[in-house]
Amino acid sequence: RLFTNGESAFAYPFRYMVISESGEQSGVEVLFSVPKRYHKRANKRNLLKRRMREAYRQHKSELVAYATERGLHIELALIYTSKDIVSYKSVENAVCKVLERIAKRA
């Protein structure tokens, strides 16, 4: 449902898809993906996913608070699209940018 009906956008190095709807459950669900197409080695994919999860963990409070106060259920998919392995700082900045865009849009 997220990939068929969700809205898609790009914030380097991520393509993200988001769908938000009001309902009885409020909160945020997040999916992290690093395609095997660009990073063949599992250890590199795992490194990138760890960086994404850590950046999200540190900055999720604003989005979760926004979703619970408005009674929204937000589903988010972060898909790493770069062929390069970028630094944690770049990943963190991109995750912050994505979360700000979602909070403004939703």
Protein backbone atom coordinates (compact mmCIF):
# COMPACT_ATOMS: atom_id res chain seq x y z
CA ARG A 1 0.00 0.00 0.00
CA LEU A 2 2.84 2.38 0.83
CA PHE A 3 4.53 1.80 -2.54
CA THR A 4 1.31 1.97 -4.58
CA ASN A 5 -0.51 4.86 -2.89
CA GLY A 6 2.28 6.73 -1.09
CA GLU A 7 3.90 9.99 -2.11
CA SER A 8 7.49 9.81 -3.26
CA ALA A 9 10.27 12.39 -3.09
CA PHE A 10 14.06 12.57 -3.12
CA ALA A 11 16.58 13.94 -0.64
CA TYR A 12 20.13 12.86 -1.47
CA PRO A 13 21.05 10.02 -0.85
CA PHE A 14 17.49 8.83 -0.17
CA ARG A 15 14.32 8.32 -2.09
CA TYR A 16 11.55 8.27 0.42
CA MET A 17 7.93 7.26 0.25
CA VAL A 18 5.38 8.35 2.81
CA ILE A 19 1.71 7.83 3.47
CA SER A 20 -0.19 9.36 6.37
CA GLU A 21 -3.73 8.76 7.41
CA SER A 22 -5.82 9.53 10.43
CA GLY A 23 -7.13 6.62 12.37
CA GLU A 24 -7.40 5.01 15.75
CA GLN A 25 -3.70 4.13 15.83
CA SER A 26 -1.33 7.07 15.85
CA GLY A 27 2.41 6.78 15.45
CA VAL A 28 5.15 6.23 12.93
CA GLU A 29 6.37 3.09 11.15
CA VAL A 30 9.65 3.23 9.25
CA LEU A 31 11.25 0.89 6.71
CA PHE A 32 14.97 1.14 5.85
CA SER A 33 16.23 -0.31 2.58
CA VAL A 34 19.58 -0.48 0.80
CA PRO A 35 19.21 -2.22 -2.57
CA LYS A 36 21.52 -5.07 -3.45
CA ARG A 37 21.64 -3.60 -6.95
CA TYR A 38 24.01 -0.82 -5.82
CA HIS A 39 25.82 -2.47 -2.91
CA LYS A 40 26.56 -6.13 -3.51
CA ARG A 41 28.30 -6.83 -0.20
CA ALA A 42 26.01 -7.40 2.77
CA ASN A 43 28.43 -5.75 5.20
CA LYS A 44 28.16 -2.46 3.25
CA ARG A 45 24.37 -2.67 3.14
CA ASN A 46 24.29 -3.34 6.87
CA LEU A 47 26.64 -0.41 7.56
CA LEU A 48 24.38 1.96 5.65
CA LYS A 49 21.23 0.64 7.33
CA ARG A 50 22.84 1.06 10.77
CA ARG A 51 23.67 4.67 9.92
CA MET A 52 20.12 5.30 8.74
CA ARG A 53 18.55 3.73 11.83
CA GLU A 54 20.82 5.65 14.20
CA ALA A 55 20.11 8.99 12.50
CA TYR A 56 16.38 8.27 12.63
CA ARG A 57 16.55 7.19 16.28
CA GLN A 58 18.18 10.46 17.28
CA HIS A 59 15.73 12.69 15.40
CA LYS A 60 12.43 10.81 15.51
CA SER A 61 10.99 12.57 18.55
CA GLU A 62 9.68 15.57 16.57
CA LEU A 63 7.89 13.43 14.00
CA VAL A 64 6.43 11.01 16.57
CA ALA A 65 5.16 13.91 18.70
CA TYR A 66 3.64 15.53 15.61
CA ALA A 67 1.88 12.31 14.60
CA THR A 68 0.49 11.56 18.06
CA GLU A 69 -0.78 15.10 18.69
CA ARG A 70 -2.63 15.12 15.34
CA GLY A 71 -3.79 11.50 15.59
CA LEU A 72 -1.96 10.46 12.41
CA HIS A 73 -0.49 7.11 11.47
CA ILE A 74 2.56 7.75 9.27
CA GLU A 75 4.32 5.06 7.25
CA LEU A 76 7.73 5.96 5.86
CA ALA A 77 10.18 4.08 3.63
CA LEU A 78 13.75 5.36 3.34
CA ILE A 79 15.52 3.86 0.33
CA TYR A 80 19.24 4.50 -0.06
CA THR A 81 19.84 5.29 -3.75
CA SER A 82 23.46 6.40 -3.96
CA LYS A 83 26.16 4.10 -5.30
CA ASP A 84 28.65 5.72 -2.92
CA ILE A 85 28.94 5.13 0.80
CA VAL A 86 28.41 8.55 2.32
CA SER A 87 29.44 9.63 5.81
CA TYR A 88 27.18 9.42 8.82
CA LYS A 89 26.92 13.22 8.91
CA SER A 90 25.49 13.29 5.37
CA VAL A 91 23.01 10.54 6.24
CA GLU A 92 21.99 12.39 9.40
CA ASN A 93 21.43 15.67 7.52
CA ALA A 94 19.33 13.90 4.89
CA VAL A 95 17.22 12.12 7.50
CA CYS A 96 16.60 15.43 9.29
CA LYS A 97 15.58 17.03 6.00
CA VAL A 98 13.17 14.16 5.23
CA LEU A 99 11.58 14.29 8.69
CA GLU A 100 11.11 18.08 8.45
CA ARG A 101 9.48 17.76 5.03
CA ILE A 102 7.10 15.09 6.28
CA ALA A 103 6.12 17.12 9.34
CA LYS A 104 5.41 20.18 7.16
CA ARG A 105 3.49 18.20 4.55
CA ALA A 106 1.42 15.97 6.83
